C-alpha atoms as a PDB file:
ATOM      1  CA  MET A   1     -46.795  11.944   8.389  1.00  0.00           C
ATOM      2  CA  SER A   2     -43.469  11.930   6.573  1.00  0.00           C
ATOM      3  CA  ILE A   3     -41.913  13.766   3.656  1.00  0.00           C
ATOM      4  CA  LEU A   4     -40.364  11.461   1.056  1.00  0.00           C
ATOM      5  CA  VAL A   5     -37.085  12.702  -0.426  1.00  0.00           C
ATOM      6  CA  THR A   6     -35.765  10.797  -3.433  1.00  0.00           C
ATOM      7  CA  GLY A   7     -32.089  11.013  -4.304  1.00  0.00           C
ATOM      8  CA  ALA A   8     -31.498  11.466  -0.583  1.00  0.00           C
ATOM      9  CA  ALA A   9     -27.824  10.471  -0.798  1.00  0.00           C
ATOM     10  CA  GLY A  10     -27.245  12.940  -3.614  1.00  0.00           C
ATOM     11  CA  PHE A  11     -25.861  16.448  -3.309  1.00  0.00           C
ATOM     12  CA  ILE A  12     -29.081  18.495  -3.117  1.00  0.00           C
ATOM     13  CA  GLY A  13     -31.069  15.645  -1.576  1.00  0.00           C
ATOM     14  CA  PHE A  14     -28.629  15.346   1.328  1.00  0.00           C
ATOM     15  CA  HIS A  15     -28.861  19.071   2.111  1.00  0.00           C
ATOM     16  CA  THR A  16     -32.646  19.002   1.762  1.00  0.00           C
ATOM     17  CA  VAL A  17     -33.014  16.127   4.226  1.00  0.00           C
ATOM     18  CA  LYS A  18     -30.835  17.971   6.757  1.00  0.00           C
ATOM     19  CA  ALA A  19     -32.910  21.150   6.411  1.00  0.00           C
ATOM     20  CA  LEU A  20     -36.196  19.288   6.889  1.00  0.00           C
ATOM     21  CA  LEU A  21     -34.911  17.401   9.936  1.00  0.00           C
ATOM     22  CA  LYS A  22     -33.522  20.595  11.443  1.00  0.00           C
ATOM     23  CA  ARG A  23     -36.998  22.101  11.557  1.00  0.00           C
ATOM     24  CA  GLY A  24     -38.527  18.911  13.002  1.00  0.00           C
ATOM     25  CA  ASP A  25     -40.026  17.084  10.025  1.00  0.00           C
ATOM     26  CA  SER A  26     -40.090  13.295   9.755  1.00  0.00           C
ATOM     27  CA  VAL A  27     -38.321  12.210   6.576  1.00  0.00           C
ATOM     28  CA  VAL A  28     -38.018   9.037   4.528  1.00  0.00           C
ATOM     29  CA  GLY A  29     -35.099   9.096   2.107  1.00  0.00           C
ATOM     30  CA  ILE A  30     -34.517   6.748  -0.802  1.00  0.00           C
ATOM     31  CA  ASP A  31     -31.521   6.422  -3.116  1.00  0.00           C
ATOM     32  CA  SER A  32     -30.191   3.670  -5.373  1.00  0.00           C
ATOM     33  CA  LEU A  33     -26.561   4.570  -4.534  1.00  0.00           C
ATOM     34  CA  ASN A  34     -25.537   3.961  -8.140  1.00  0.00           C
ATOM     35  CA  ASN A  35     -21.942   4.294  -9.280  1.00  0.00           C
ATOM     36  CA  TYR A  36     -22.305   7.329 -11.575  1.00  0.00           C
ATOM     37  CA  TYR A  37     -19.766   8.894  -9.205  1.00  0.00           C
ATOM     38  CA  ASP A  38     -17.948   7.815  -6.025  1.00  0.00           C
ATOM     39  CA  VAL A  39     -20.382   5.728  -3.969  1.00  0.00           C
ATOM     40  CA  ASN A  40     -18.275   6.355  -0.855  1.00  0.00           C
ATOM     41  CA  LEU A  41     -19.189  10.046  -1.011  1.00  0.00           C
ATOM     42  CA  LYS A  42     -22.879   9.112  -1.147  1.00  0.00           C
ATOM     43  CA  LEU A  43     -22.470   6.733   1.795  1.00  0.00           C
ATOM     44  CA  ALA A  44     -20.654   9.452   3.747  1.00  0.00           C
ATOM     45  CA  ARG A  45     -23.619  11.765   3.212  1.00  0.00           C
ATOM     46  CA  VAL A  46     -25.973   9.067   4.510  1.00  0.00           C
ATOM     47  CA  ASP A  47     -23.754   8.454   7.534  1.00  0.00           C
ATOM     48  CA  ASP A  48     -23.532  12.183   8.280  1.00  0.00           C
ATOM     49  CA  ILE A  49     -27.261  12.348   9.052  1.00  0.00           C
ATOM     50  CA  LYS A  50     -28.170  10.956  12.459  1.00  0.00           C
ATOM     51  CA  SER A  51     -31.780  11.392  13.514  1.00  0.00           C
ATOM     52  CA  ASN A  52     -34.504   9.183  14.903  1.00  0.00           C
ATOM     53  CA  LYS A  53     -36.918  11.016  12.593  1.00  0.00           C
ATOM     54  CA  TYR A  54     -35.110   9.844   9.459  1.00  0.00           C
ATOM     55  CA  ASP A  55     -35.326   6.493   7.708  1.00  0.00           C
ATOM     56  CA  PHE A  56     -33.020   5.845   4.755  1.00  0.00           C
ATOM     57  CA  ILE A  57     -33.828   3.060   2.288  1.00  0.00           C
ATOM     58  CA  LYS A  58     -31.537   1.884  -0.503  1.00  0.00           C
ATOM     59  CA  LEU A  59     -34.017   1.646  -3.352  1.00  0.00           C
ATOM     60  CA  ASN A  60     -34.184   2.204  -7.091  1.00  0.00           C
ATOM     61  CA  PHE A  61     -37.466   3.969  -7.854  1.00  0.00           C
ATOM     62  CA  CYS A  62     -37.287   2.690 -11.437  1.00  0.00           C
ATOM     63  CA  ASP A  63     -38.696  -0.560 -10.028  1.00  0.00           C
ATOM     64  CA  GLN A  64     -42.322   0.329  -9.349  1.00  0.00           C
ATOM     65  CA  GLU A  65     -43.153  -2.831  -7.423  1.00  0.00           C
ATOM     66  CA  LEU A  66     -40.207  -2.373  -5.054  1.00  0.00           C
ATOM     67  CA  LEU A  67     -41.016   1.324  -4.629  1.00  0.00           C
ATOM     68  CA  PHE A  68     -44.597   0.675  -3.543  1.00  0.00           C
ATOM     69  CA  GLU A  69     -43.630  -2.272  -1.357  1.00  0.00           C
ATOM     70  CA  ALA A  70     -40.783  -0.500   0.454  1.00  0.00           C
ATOM     71  CA  LEU A  71     -42.980   2.497   1.291  1.00  0.00           C
ATOM     72  CA  SER A  72     -46.171   0.593   2.088  1.00  0.00           C
ATOM     73  CA  ASN A  73     -45.836   1.101   5.862  1.00  0.00           C
ATOM     74  CA  TYR A  74     -45.050   4.819   5.677  1.00  0.00           C
ATOM     75  CA  ASP A  75     -47.639   7.586   5.791  1.00  0.00           C
ATOM     76  CA  ILE A  76     -46.186   9.884   3.113  1.00  0.00           C
ATOM     77  CA  SER A  77     -47.763  13.327   2.932  1.00  0.00           C
ATOM     78  CA  SER A  78     -45.598  14.959   0.260  1.00  0.00           C
ATOM     79  CA  ILE A  79     -42.660  14.191  -1.997  1.00  0.00           C
ATOM     80  CA  ILE A  80     -39.515  16.109  -2.895  1.00  0.00           C
ATOM     81  CA  HIS A  81     -38.246  14.253  -5.954  1.00  0.00           C
ATOM     82  CA  LEU A  82     -34.541  14.942  -6.491  1.00  0.00           C
ATOM     83  CA  GLY A  83     -33.492  11.495  -7.674  1.00  0.00           C
ATOM     84  CA  ALA A  84     -32.490  11.403 -11.340  1.00  0.00           C
ATOM     85  CA  GLN A  85     -29.650  10.597 -13.661  1.00  0.00           C
ATOM     86  CA  ALA A  86     -27.791  13.890 -13.744  1.00  0.00           C
ATOM     87  CA  GLY A  87     -25.050  15.258 -15.972  1.00  0.00           C
ATOM     88  CA  VAL A  88     -25.128  16.940 -19.367  1.00  0.00           C
ATOM     89  CA  ARG A  89     -22.211  15.225 -21.100  1.00  0.00           C
ATOM     90  CA  TYR A  90     -22.934  11.764 -19.730  1.00  0.00           C
ATOM     91  CA  SER A  91     -26.354  11.926 -21.389  1.00  0.00           C
ATOM     92  CA  ILE A  92     -24.678  12.113 -24.793  1.00  0.00           C
ATOM     93  CA  GLU A  93     -22.835   8.854 -24.105  1.00  0.00           C
ATOM     94  CA  ASN A  94     -25.517   6.950 -22.149  1.00  0.00           C
ATOM     95  CA  PRO A  95     -29.006   8.139 -23.129  1.00  0.00           C
ATOM     96  CA  LEU A  96     -30.688   4.924 -21.974  1.00  0.00           C
ATOM     97  CA  GLU A  97     -29.666   5.652 -18.366  1.00  0.00           C
ATOM     98  CA  TYR A  98     -31.620   8.901 -18.608  1.00  0.00           C
ATOM     99  CA  ALA A  99     -34.637   7.313 -20.260  1.00  0.00           C
ATOM    100  CA  GLN A 100     -34.785   4.724 -17.475  1.00  0.00           C
ATOM    101  CA  SER A 101     -34.289   7.016 -14.473  1.00  0.00           C
ATOM    102  CA  ASN A 102     -35.761  10.298 -15.669  1.00  0.00           C
ATOM    103  CA  ILE A 103     -38.701   8.971 -17.704  1.00  0.00           C
ATOM    104  CA  ILE A 104     -39.634   5.521 -16.342  1.00  0.00           C
ATOM    105  CA  GLY A 105     -38.557   6.422 -12.809  1.00  0.00           C
ATOM    106  CA  PHE A 106     -40.449   9.708 -12.823  1.00  0.00           C
ATOM    107  CA  THR A 107     -43.566   7.932 -14.094  1.00  0.00           C
ATOM    108  CA  ASN A 108     -43.336   5.638 -11.070  1.00  0.00           C
ATOM    109  CA  ILE A 109     -43.116   8.650  -8.751  1.00  0.00           C
ATOM    110  CA  LEU A 110     -46.165  10.202 -10.419  1.00  0.00           C
ATOM    111  CA  GLU A 111     -48.095   6.947 -10.075  1.00  0.00           C
ATOM    112  CA  PHE A 112     -47.108   6.655  -6.417  1.00  0.00           C
ATOM    113  CA  SER A 113     -48.241  10.262  -5.863  1.00  0.00           C
ATOM    114  CA  ARG A 114     -51.581   9.571  -7.528  1.00  0.00           C
ATOM    115  CA  LYS A 115     -52.350   6.308  -5.782  1.00  0.00           C
ATOM    116  CA  ARG A 116     -51.291   7.576  -2.360  1.00  0.00           C
ATOM    117  CA  SER A 117     -53.084  10.948  -2.777  1.00  0.00           C
ATOM    118  CA  ILE A 118     -49.921  12.947  -2.111  1.00  0.00           C
ATOM    119  CA  ASP A 119     -50.584  16.553  -1.090  1.00  0.00           C
ATOM    120  CA  HIS A 120     -47.723  18.028  -3.124  1.00  0.00           C
ATOM    121  CA  LEU A 121     -45.026  16.714  -5.449  1.00  0.00           C
ATOM    122  CA  VAL A 122     -41.984  18.963  -5.807  1.00  0.00           C
ATOM    123  CA  TYR A 123     -39.501  17.794  -8.416  1.00  0.00           C
ATOM    124  CA  ALA A 124     -36.167  18.879  -9.855  1.00  0.00           C
ATOM    125  CA  SER A 125     -36.000  20.277 -13.352  1.00  0.00           C
ATOM    126  CA  THR A 126     -33.036  22.179 -14.790  1.00  0.00           C
ATOM    127  CA  SER A 127     -31.996  25.426 -16.435  1.00  0.00           C
ATOM    128  CA  SER A 128     -30.781  23.251 -19.322  1.00  0.00           C
ATOM    129  CA  VAL A 129     -34.375  23.077 -20.620  1.00  0.00           C
ATOM    130  CA  TYR A 130     -33.874  26.592 -22.040  1.00  0.00           C
ATOM    131  CA  GLY A 131     -31.506  24.987 -24.560  1.00  0.00           C
ATOM    132  CA  ALA A 132     -31.086  27.015 -27.739  1.00  0.00           C
ATOM    133  CA  ASN A 133     -33.053  29.961 -26.303  1.00  0.00           C
ATOM    134  CA  LYS A 134     -30.804  33.042 -26.535  1.00  0.00           C
ATOM    135  CA  LYS A 135     -32.976  35.462 -24.545  1.00  0.00           C
ATOM    136  CA  ILE A 136     -31.615  36.172 -21.069  1.00  0.00           C
ATOM    137  CA  PRO A 137     -32.436  36.332 -18.245  1.00  0.00           C
ATOM    138  CA  TYR A 138     -34.415  33.112 -18.664  1.00  0.00           C
ATOM    139  CA  ASN A 139     -38.069  33.462 -17.761  1.00  0.00           C
ATOM    140  CA  GLU A 140     -40.466  30.577 -17.112  1.00  0.00           C
ATOM    141  CA  ASN A 141     -42.593  31.737 -20.069  1.00  0.00           C
ATOM    142  CA  ASP A 142     -39.706  31.474 -22.542  1.00  0.00           C
ATOM    143  CA  LYS A 143     -39.676  28.700 -25.149  1.00  0.00           C
ATOM    144  CA  THR A 144     -38.204  25.439 -23.898  1.00  0.00           C
ATOM    145  CA  ASP A 145     -38.875  23.200 -26.888  1.00  0.00           C
ATOM    146  CA  GLN A 146     -35.305  23.185 -28.262  1.00  0.00           C
ATOM    147  CA  PRO A 147     -33.213  21.158 -25.774  1.00  0.00           C
ATOM    148  CA  ILE A 148     -29.640  20.765 -27.006  1.00  0.00           C
ATOM    149  CA  GLN A 149     -28.858  17.606 -25.036  1.00  0.00           C
ATOM    150  CA  PHE A 150     -30.836  14.554 -24.001  1.00  0.00           C
ATOM    151  CA  TYR A 151     -30.626  15.295 -20.257  1.00  0.00           C
ATOM    152  CA  ALA A 152     -32.562  18.522 -20.820  1.00  0.00           C
ATOM    153  CA  ALA A 153     -35.047  16.698 -23.050  1.00  0.00           C
ATOM    154  CA  THR A 154     -35.863  14.235 -20.266  1.00  0.00           C
ATOM    155  CA  LYS A 155     -36.311  17.051 -17.760  1.00  0.00           C
ATOM    156  CA  LYS A 156     -38.618  18.948 -20.104  1.00  0.00           C
ATOM    157  CA  ALA A 157     -40.547  15.705 -20.477  1.00  0.00           C
ATOM    158  CA  ASN A 158     -40.872  15.588 -16.676  1.00  0.00           C
ATOM    159  CA  GLU A 159     -42.494  19.025 -16.692  1.00  0.00           C
ATOM    160  CA  LEU A 160     -45.034  17.905 -19.293  1.00  0.00           C
ATOM    161  CA  MET A 161     -45.702  14.614 -17.508  1.00  0.00           C
ATOM    162  CA  ALA A 162     -46.274  16.428 -14.205  1.00  0.00           C
ATOM    163  CA  TYR A 163     -48.700  18.833 -15.879  1.00  0.00           C
ATOM    164  CA  SER A 164     -50.768  15.970 -17.254  1.00  0.00           C
ATOM    165  CA  TYR A 165     -51.015  14.272 -13.842  1.00  0.00           C
ATOM    166  CA  SER A 166     -51.934  17.569 -12.182  1.00  0.00           C
ATOM    167  CA  HIS A 167     -54.700  18.092 -14.708  1.00  0.00           C
ATOM    168  CA  LEU A 168     -56.027  14.533 -14.702  1.00  0.00           C
ATOM    169  CA  PHE A 169     -55.796  13.716 -11.020  1.00  0.00           C
ATOM    170  CA  ASN A 170     -55.762  17.097  -9.233  1.00  0.00           C
ATOM    171  CA  LEU A 171     -52.197  16.393  -8.076  1.00  0.00           C
ATOM    172  CA  PRO A 172     -50.379  19.598  -7.076  1.00  0.00           C
ATOM    173  CA  THR A 173     -46.907  19.619  -8.650  1.00  0.00           C
ATOM    174  CA  SER A 174     -44.070  22.136  -8.648  1.00  0.00           C
ATOM    175  CA  GLY A 175     -41.038  21.851 -10.918  1.00  0.00           C
ATOM    176  CA  LEU A 176     -37.890  23.756 -10.004  1.00  0.00           C
ATOM    177  CA  ARG A 177     -35.421  24.671 -12.724  1.00  0.00           C
ATOM    178  CA  PHE A 178     -32.104  24.591 -10.866  1.00  0.00           C
ATOM    179  CA  PHE A 179     -29.289  26.890 -12.006  1.00  0.00           C
ATOM    180  CA  THR A 180     -25.734  25.483 -11.513  1.00  0.00           C
ATOM    181  CA  VAL A 181     -25.914  24.402  -7.885  1.00  0.00           C
ATOM    182  CA  TYR A 182     -22.635  24.289  -5.939  1.00  0.00           C
ATOM    183  CA  GLY A 183     -21.412  23.992  -2.349  1.00  0.00           C
ATOM    184  CA  PRO A 184     -20.076  21.539   0.272  1.00  0.00           C
ATOM    185  CA  TRP A 185     -20.671  17.841  -0.415  1.00  0.00           C
ATOM    186  CA  GLY A 186     -20.992  18.654  -4.128  1.00  0.00           C
ATOM    187  CA  ARG A 187     -20.786  16.211  -7.029  1.00  0.00           C
ATOM    188  CA  PRO A 188     -17.336  15.179  -8.302  1.00  0.00           C
ATOM    189  CA  ASP A 189     -18.437  15.564 -11.936  1.00  0.00           C
ATOM    190  CA  MET A 190     -19.147  19.288 -11.549  1.00  0.00           C
ATOM    191  CA  ALA A 191     -16.745  22.103 -12.375  1.00  0.00           C
ATOM    192  CA  LEU A 192     -16.016  23.377  -8.861  1.00  0.00           C
ATOM    193  CA  PHE A 193     -15.107  19.917  -7.608  1.00  0.00           C
ATOM    194  CA  LYS A 194     -12.952  19.052 -10.643  1.00  0.00           C
ATOM    195  CA  PHE A 195     -11.212  22.440 -10.685  1.00  0.00           C
ATOM    196  CA  THR A 196     -10.387  22.268  -6.975  1.00  0.00           C
ATOM    197  CA  LYS A 197      -9.053  18.725  -7.242  1.00  0.00           C
ATOM    198  CA  ASN A 198      -6.865  19.448 -10.283  1.00  0.00           C
ATOM    199  CA  ILE A 199      -5.497  22.760  -9.027  1.00  0.00           C
ATOM    200  CA  LEU A 200      -4.430  21.136  -5.770  1.00  0.00           C
ATOM    201  CA  SER A 201      -2.716  18.273  -7.596  1.00  0.00           C
ATOM    202  CA  GLY A 202      -1.008  20.575 -10.096  1.00  0.00           C
ATOM    203  CA  GLU A 203      -2.941  19.129 -13.049  1.00  0.00           C
ATOM    204  CA  GLN A 204      -4.503  21.132 -15.867  1.00  0.00           C
ATOM    205  CA  ILE A 205      -8.139  22.145 -15.749  1.00  0.00           C
ATOM    206  CA  ASP A 206     -10.113  21.937 -18.999  1.00  0.00           C
ATOM    207  CA  VAL A 207     -11.975  25.185 -19.629  1.00  0.00           C
ATOM    208  CA  TYR A 208     -14.424  24.974 -22.518  1.00  0.00           C
ATOM    209  CA  ASN A 209     -15.590  27.694 -24.897  1.00  0.00           C
ATOM    210  CA  PHE A 210     -12.162  29.252 -24.243  1.00  0.00           C
ATOM    211  CA  GLY A 211     -13.463  30.477 -20.883  1.00  0.00           C
ATOM    212  CA  ASN A 212     -16.240  32.610 -22.367  1.00  0.00           C
ATOM    213  CA  HIS A 213     -19.032  30.974 -20.362  1.00  0.00           C
ATOM    214  CA  SER A 214     -21.067  32.715 -17.695  1.00  0.00           C
ATOM    215  CA  ARG A 215     -23.141  30.788 -15.192  1.00  0.00           C
ATOM    216  CA  ASP A 216     -25.830  31.638 -12.665  1.00  0.00           C
ATOM    217  CA  PHE A 217     -23.992  29.782  -9.879  1.00  0.00           C
ATOM    218  CA  THR A 218     -26.387  29.131  -6.979  1.00  0.00           C
ATOM    219  CA  TYR A 219     -25.271  28.078  -3.516  1.00  0.00           C
ATOM    220  CA  VAL A 220     -26.894  24.891  -2.268  1.00  0.00           C
ATOM    221  CA  ASP A 221     -28.328  26.408   0.928  1.00  0.00           C
ATOM    222  CA  ASP A 222     -30.145  29.038  -1.152  1.00  0.00           C
ATOM    223  CA  ILE A 223     -31.514  26.312  -3.414  1.00  0.00           C
ATOM    224  CA  VAL A 224     -32.776  24.287  -0.458  1.00  0.00           C
ATOM    225  CA  GLU A 225     -34.370  27.310   1.187  1.00  0.00           C
ATOM    226  CA  GLY A 226     -36.371  28.089  -1.953  1.00  0.00           C
ATOM    227  CA  LEU A 227     -37.240  24.442  -2.484  1.00  0.00           C
ATOM    228  CA  VAL A 228     -38.607  24.002   1.027  1.00  0.00           C
ATOM    229  CA  LYS A 229     -40.571  27.245   0.794  1.00  0.00           C
ATOM    230  CA  ILE A 230     -42.216  26.060  -2.423  1.00  0.00           C
ATOM    231  CA  HIS A 231     -42.960  22.696  -0.802  1.00  0.00           C
ATOM    232  CA  ASP A 232     -44.739  24.444   2.061  1.00  0.00           C
ATOM    233  CA  ARG A 233     -46.464  27.125  -0.026  1.00  0.00           C
ATOM    234  CA  PHE A 234     -48.529  24.684  -2.085  1.00  0.00           C
ATOM    235  CA  ILE A 235     -49.022  21.947   0.481  1.00  0.00           C
ATOM    236  CA  ASP A 236     -52.723  22.813   0.841  1.00  0.00           C
ATOM    237  CA  ALA A 237     -53.355  23.200  -2.883  1.00  0.00           C
ATOM    238  CA  ARG A 238     -55.770  20.248  -2.904  1.00  0.00           C
ATOM    239  CA  ASN A 239     -58.177  22.359  -0.883  1.00  0.00           C
ATOM    240  CA  GLU A 240     -58.405  24.899  -3.681  1.00  0.00           C
ATOM    241  CA  GLU A 241     -60.762  24.559  -6.620  1.00  0.00           C
ATOM    242  CA  ASN A 242     -58.270  24.478  -9.507  1.00  0.00           C
ATOM    243  CA  PHE A 243     -55.413  22.049 -10.084  1.00  0.00           C
ATOM    244  CA  HIS A 244     -51.834  23.301  -9.739  1.00  0.00           C
ATOM    245  CA  ALA A 245     -48.881  22.561 -11.991  1.00  0.00           C
ATOM    246  CA  GLU A 246     -46.251  25.207 -11.423  1.00  0.00           C
ATOM    247  CA  ILE A 247     -42.741  25.767 -12.808  1.00  0.00           C
ATOM    248  CA  PHE A 248     -40.185  28.013 -11.113  1.00  0.00           C
ATOM    249  CA  ASN A 249     -36.664  29.153 -11.877  1.00  0.00           C
ATOM    250  CA  ILE A 250     -34.425  28.894  -8.845  1.00  0.00           C
ATOM    251  CA  GLY A 251     -31.043  30.591  -9.136  1.00  0.00           C
ATOM    252  CA  SER A 252     -28.960  33.428  -7.755  1.00  0.00           C
ATOM    253  CA  SER A 253     -29.808  35.833 -10.616  1.00  0.00           C
ATOM    254  CA  VAL A 254     -26.151  36.935 -10.558  1.00  0.00           C
ATOM    255  CA  PRO A 255     -24.308  35.463 -13.572  1.00  0.00           C
ATOM    256  CA  ILE A 256     -20.573  35.005 -13.013  1.00  0.00           C
ATOM    257  CA  GLN A 257     -17.945  34.747 -15.740  1.00  0.00           C
ATOM    258  CA  LEU A 258     -16.301  31.325 -15.594  1.00  0.00           C
ATOM    259  CA  MET A 259     -12.799  32.827 -15.449  1.00  0.00           C
ATOM    260  CA  ASN A 260     -13.811  34.911 -12.417  1.00  0.00           C
ATOM    261  CA  TYR A 261     -15.174  31.763 -10.789  1.00  0.00           C
ATOM    262  CA  ILE A 262     -11.798  30.086 -11.320  1.00  0.00           C
ATOM    263  CA  LYS A 263     -10.044  33.099  -9.788  1.00  0.00           C
ATOM    264  CA  GLU A 264     -12.097  32.683  -6.610  1.00  0.00           C
ATOM    265  CA  ILE A 265     -11.011  29.043  -6.392  1.00  0.00           C
ATOM    266  CA  GLU A 266      -7.368  30.083  -6.890  1.00  0.00           C
ATOM    267  CA  ILE A 267      -7.681  32.642  -4.093  1.00  0.00           C
ATOM    268  CA  CYS A 268      -9.151  30.085  -1.684  1.00  0.00           C
ATOM    269  CA  LEU A 269      -6.458  27.522  -2.537  1.00  0.00           C
ATOM    270  CA  SER A 270      -3.609  30.085  -2.695  1.00  0.00           C
ATOM    271  CA  LYS A 271      -2.560  28.365  -5.912  1.00  0.00           C
ATOM    272  CA  LYS A 272      -2.766  29.231  -9.608  1.00  0.00           C
ATOM    273  CA  ALA A 273      -4.597  27.003 -12.040  1.00  0.00           C
ATOM    274  CA  LYS A 274      -2.993  25.508 -15.125  1.00  0.00           C
ATOM    275  CA  ILE A 275      -5.680  26.276 -17.666  1.00  0.00           C
ATOM    276  CA  ASN A 276      -6.265  24.270 -20.845  1.00  0.00           C
ATOM    277  CA  LEU A 277      -8.569  26.324 -23.073  1.00  0.00           C
ATOM    278  CA  LEU A 278     -10.822  24.245 -25.344  1.00  0.00           C
ATOM    279  CA  PRO A 279     -13.695  24.865 -27.799  1.00  0.00           C
ATOM    280  CA  LEU A 280     -17.368  24.735 -26.842  1.00  0.00           C
ATOM    281  CA  GLN A 281     -18.509  21.210 -25.985  1.00  0.00           C
ATOM    282  CA  PRO A 282     -21.556  19.642 -27.654  1.00  0.00           C
ATOM    283  CA  GLY A 283     -24.609  20.214 -25.454  1.00  0.00           C
ATOM    284  CA  ASP A 284     -23.132  23.147 -23.528  1.00  0.00           C
ATOM    285  CA  ILE A 285     -25.152  26.328 -23.079  1.00  0.00           C
ATOM    286  CA  LYS A 286     -23.000  29.460 -23.363  1.00  0.00           C
ATOM    287  CA  ASP A 287     -24.659  31.602 -20.684  1.00  0.00           C
ATOM    288  CA  THR A 288     -27.294  31.048 -17.993  1.00  0.00           C
ATOM    289  CA  TYR A 289     -29.148  33.699 -16.017  1.00  0.00           C
ATOM    290  CA  ALA A 290     -32.309  33.118 -13.972  1.00  0.00           C
ATOM    291  CA  ASP A 291     -35.239  35.474 -13.717  1.00  0.00           C
ATOM    292  CA  THR A 292     -36.540  34.472 -10.268  1.00  0.00           C
ATOM    293  CA  SER A 293     -39.275  37.097  -9.940  1.00  0.00           C
ATOM    294  CA  LYS A 294     -42.010  34.431 -10.029  1.00  0.00           C
ATOM    295  CA  LEU A 295     -40.390  32.487  -7.189  1.00  0.00           C
ATOM    296  CA  ASP A 296     -39.827  35.672  -5.204  1.00  0.00           C
ATOM    297  CA  LYS A 297     -43.481  36.660  -5.630  1.00  0.00           C
ATOM    298  CA  ALA A 298     -44.677  33.199  -4.564  1.00  0.00           C
ATOM    299  CA  VAL A 299     -42.535  32.654  -1.469  1.00  0.00           C
ATOM    300  CA  GLY A 300     -40.245  35.661  -0.967  1.00  0.00           C
ATOM    301  CA  TYR A 301     -37.142  33.889  -2.301  1.00  0.00           C
ATOM    302  CA  LYS A 302     -33.951  35.915  -1.797  1.00  0.00           C
ATOM    303  CA  PRO A 303     -30.621  34.077  -2.225  1.00  0.00           C
ATOM    304  CA  GLU A 304     -28.035  35.429   0.201  1.00  0.00           C
ATOM    305  CA  THR A 305     -24.752  33.611  -0.500  1.00  0.00           C
ATOM    306  CA  ASN A 306     -22.267  35.391  -2.765  1.00  0.00           C
ATOM    307  CA  ILE A 307     -19.686  33.584  -4.848  1.00  0.00           C
ATOM    308  CA  LYS A 308     -16.755  34.395  -2.539  1.00  0.00           C
ATOM    309  CA  GLU A 309     -18.477  32.918   0.495  1.00  0.00           C
ATOM    310  CA  GLY A 310     -19.860  29.942  -1.408  1.00  0.00           C
ATOM    311  CA  VAL A 311     -16.574  28.898  -3.017  1.00  0.00           C
ATOM    312  CA  LYS A 312     -14.755  29.335   0.291  1.00  0.00           C
ATOM    313  CA  ASN A 313     -17.270  27.096   2.057  1.00  0.00           C
ATOM    314  CA  PHE A 314     -16.813  24.402  -0.587  1.00  0.00           C
ATOM    315  CA  VAL A 315     -13.020  24.550  -0.470  1.00  0.00           C
ATOM    316  CA  ASN A 316     -13.058  24.359   3.346  1.00  0.00           C
ATOM    317  CA  TRP A 317     -15.270  21.261   3.164  1.00  0.00           C
ATOM    318  CA  TYR A 318     -13.131  19.688   0.436  1.00  0.00           C
ATOM    319  CA  MET A 319      -9.909  20.184   2.378  1.00  0.00           C
ATOM    320  CA  LYS A 320     -11.445  18.727   5.538  1.00  0.00           C
ATOM    321  CA  TYR A 321     -13.097  15.785   3.784  1.00  0.00           C
ATOM    322  CA  TYR A 322     -10.192  14.735   1.582  1.00  0.00           C
ATOM    323  CA  HIS A 323      -7.172  16.043   3.446  1.00  0.00           C
ATOM    324  CA  GLY A 324      -8.269  16.272   7.085  1.00  0.00           C
ATOM    325  CA  ASP A 325      -7.497  20.015   7.193  1.00  0.00           C
END
């Protein structure tokens, strides 16, 4: 029996595959290796994992026929679905990419789960679904029907789609609302990566909302630990009488002011940033803050990595990967 991880060459997918292999699971990973950001970084993640219990397949799950055919010889017990078109601002410019990957693609994953009688489908949602909601910390019971960008709208749609499949087909599903994930092997389109790159090169960093953002930055290892615990917690849900369609926040529950985050990067690089202050961007949420009490009650989730340690770990990886330091 194998665990299927989609988006396996992506940031969180890569770390999830490594965690599953480390504890002895057999894993099948799929990824389309699209060019949304540097494909070489994705290939480097794939190459970094060496295990005879891991099969990687280049595959776009938006093609249902190819998806079913490529996985026909694998005995898949559960799915961790992390593949998606990510990025808030890119969704404003290219909404069709999100409709294809996050709506059509997710439908294919749901259909695969139904037809193969998958024990548990865990999938990535996002804190962005809270949208125009001004109540913090964000709780899973808060309103999420006012997304302020299309990326969040597609992820909210995923939560509703998963609920319907859970109800109709007794398919256990768990959606995880990620809060600003960061760490080694991170995405080049995210703030930590861009800030580090520009500070090192002496270029300006664009800081929106004049630096008045706060974010619930969550280290990738803490995200993966909670994700795997949720995967395991509900793996036997089919044996229970009622269907399961759960949603969980997964964050650090320690909001950090963006300017303090930048200071930590400056400390690690021993170099000051040239800051270009700009107004709030369309689609940006001012503050994020996760209430993770539901996740803690379910699986004992306790993030352990503080911002100093997390930023340092990223900078050390970045310097080694790009500069050989």
